[in-house]
Amino acid sequence: MELKPKRNIKQERKEYERKYVSNFKKLQKTKLKIAALEQKLRLSQIELEEPKPTIKQKRKEYEKEYITRYTKQQKAKPKKKVFAIR
């Protein structure tokens, strides 16, 4: 009758846990990468809305248009020549 060598359960468990943890970490990293890629894809598919013009922006645009119209009107009117009597 031969005696079987004694199994070192602690050592086997330690190796198993180390392999399990490394495999678990790899899975977590790939899950994070996949999630990041999906988010980038979602963000790339979203059409960004143009910001709505505020009252100040509208007012500035109107003032520019008004000034251009005003200057054109001033240029269009001929100036009356005043003859000075000396």
Protein backbone atom coordinates (compact mmCIF):
# COMPACT_ATOMS: atom_id res chain seq x y z
CA MET A 1 0.00 0.00 0.00
CA GLU A 2 1.53 3.24 -1.20
CA LEU A 3 0.76 6.52 0.48
CA LYS A 4 -0.40 9.33 -1.76
CA PRO A 5 1.52 12.56 -1.37
CA LYS A 6 -0.33 15.02 0.75
CA ARG A 7 -2.13 17.76 -1.22
CA ASN A 8 -1.27 21.27 -0.26
CA ILE A 9 -4.76 22.74 -0.37
CA LYS A 10 -3.67 26.21 0.73
CA GLN A 11 -1.15 26.43 -2.10
CA GLU A 12 -3.69 25.20 -4.67
CA ARG A 13 -6.29 27.65 -3.42
CA LYS A 14 -3.78 30.51 -3.56
CA GLU A 15 -2.91 29.70 -7.20
CA TYR A 16 -6.56 29.36 -8.13
CA GLU A 17 -7.43 32.69 -6.49
CA ARG A 18 -4.52 34.43 -8.23
CA LYS A 19 -5.63 33.10 -11.64
CA TYR A 20 -9.24 33.96 -10.92
CA VAL A 21 -8.39 37.52 -9.88
CA SER A 22 -6.21 38.10 -12.95
CA ASN A 23 -8.94 36.76 -15.23
CA PHE A 24 -11.55 38.88 -13.42
CA LYS A 25 -9.43 42.02 -13.86
CA LYS A 26 -9.02 41.34 -17.57
CA LEU A 27 -12.77 40.97 -17.96
CA GLN A 28 -13.40 44.21 -16.07
CA LYS A 29 -10.92 46.09 -18.27
CA THR A 30 -12.52 44.79 -21.44
CA LYS A 31 -15.98 45.67 -20.12
CA LEU A 32 -14.80 49.21 -19.38
CA LYS A 33 -13.24 49.52 -22.82
CA ILE A 34 -16.40 48.28 -24.48
CA ALA A 35 -18.52 50.69 -22.43
CA ALA A 36 -16.23 53.58 -23.36
CA LEU A 37 -16.41 52.69 -27.04
CA GLU A 38 -20.19 52.44 -26.90
CA GLN A 39 -20.40 55.83 -25.23
CA LYS A 40 -18.14 57.37 -27.88
CA LEU A 41 -20.31 55.85 -30.57
CA ARG A 42 -23.46 57.21 -28.93
CA LEU A 43 -21.88 60.65 -28.59
CA SER A 44 -20.77 60.63 -32.22
CA GLN A 45 -24.30 59.81 -33.35
CA ILE A 46 -25.89 62.61 -31.37
CA GLU A 47 -26.50 65.70 -33.45
CA LEU A 48 -25.55 68.76 -31.50
CA GLU A 49 -28.15 71.47 -31.44
CA GLU A 50 -27.07 74.94 -32.34
CA PRO A 51 -27.29 77.25 -29.36
CA LYS A 52 -30.30 79.50 -29.46
CA PRO A 53 -29.42 83.15 -29.95
CA THR A 54 -29.92 85.25 -26.87
CA ILE A 55 -31.55 88.65 -26.80
CA LYS A 56 -28.13 90.32 -26.61
CA GLN A 57 -26.92 88.50 -29.72
CA LYS A 58 -30.09 89.37 -31.61
CA ARG A 59 -29.75 93.00 -30.55
CA LYS A 60 -26.10 93.17 -31.68
CA GLU A 61 -26.99 91.70 -35.07
CA TYR A 62 -29.84 94.17 -35.49
CA GLU A 63 -27.60 97.09 -34.50
CA LYS A 64 -25.03 96.06 -37.13
CA GLU A 65 -27.72 95.85 -39.79
CA TYR A 66 -29.14 99.20 -38.72
CA ILE A 67 -25.74 100.91 -38.85
CA THR A 68 -25.08 99.58 -42.35
CA ARG A 69 -28.51 100.81 -43.52
CA TYR A 70 -27.98 104.17 -41.83
CA THR A 71 -24.56 104.71 -43.38
CA LYS A 72 -25.92 103.80 -46.83
CA GLN A 73 -28.72 106.34 -46.41
CA GLN A 74 -26.26 109.03 -45.36
CA LYS A 75 -24.08 108.36 -48.39
CA ALA A 76 -27.06 108.31 -50.73
CA LYS A 77 -28.27 111.79 -49.77
CA PRO A 78 -26.30 114.46 -51.63
CA LYS A 79 -25.06 117.23 -49.45
CA LYS A 80 -26.31 120.68 -50.28
CA LYS A 81 -23.58 123.04 -51.13
CA VAL A 82 -23.78 126.24 -49.17
CA PHE A 83 -22.38 129.26 -50.92
CA ALA A 84 -20.99 131.77 -48.55
CA ILE A 85 -21.41 135.37 -49.51
CA ARG A 86 -18.43 137.40 -48.66
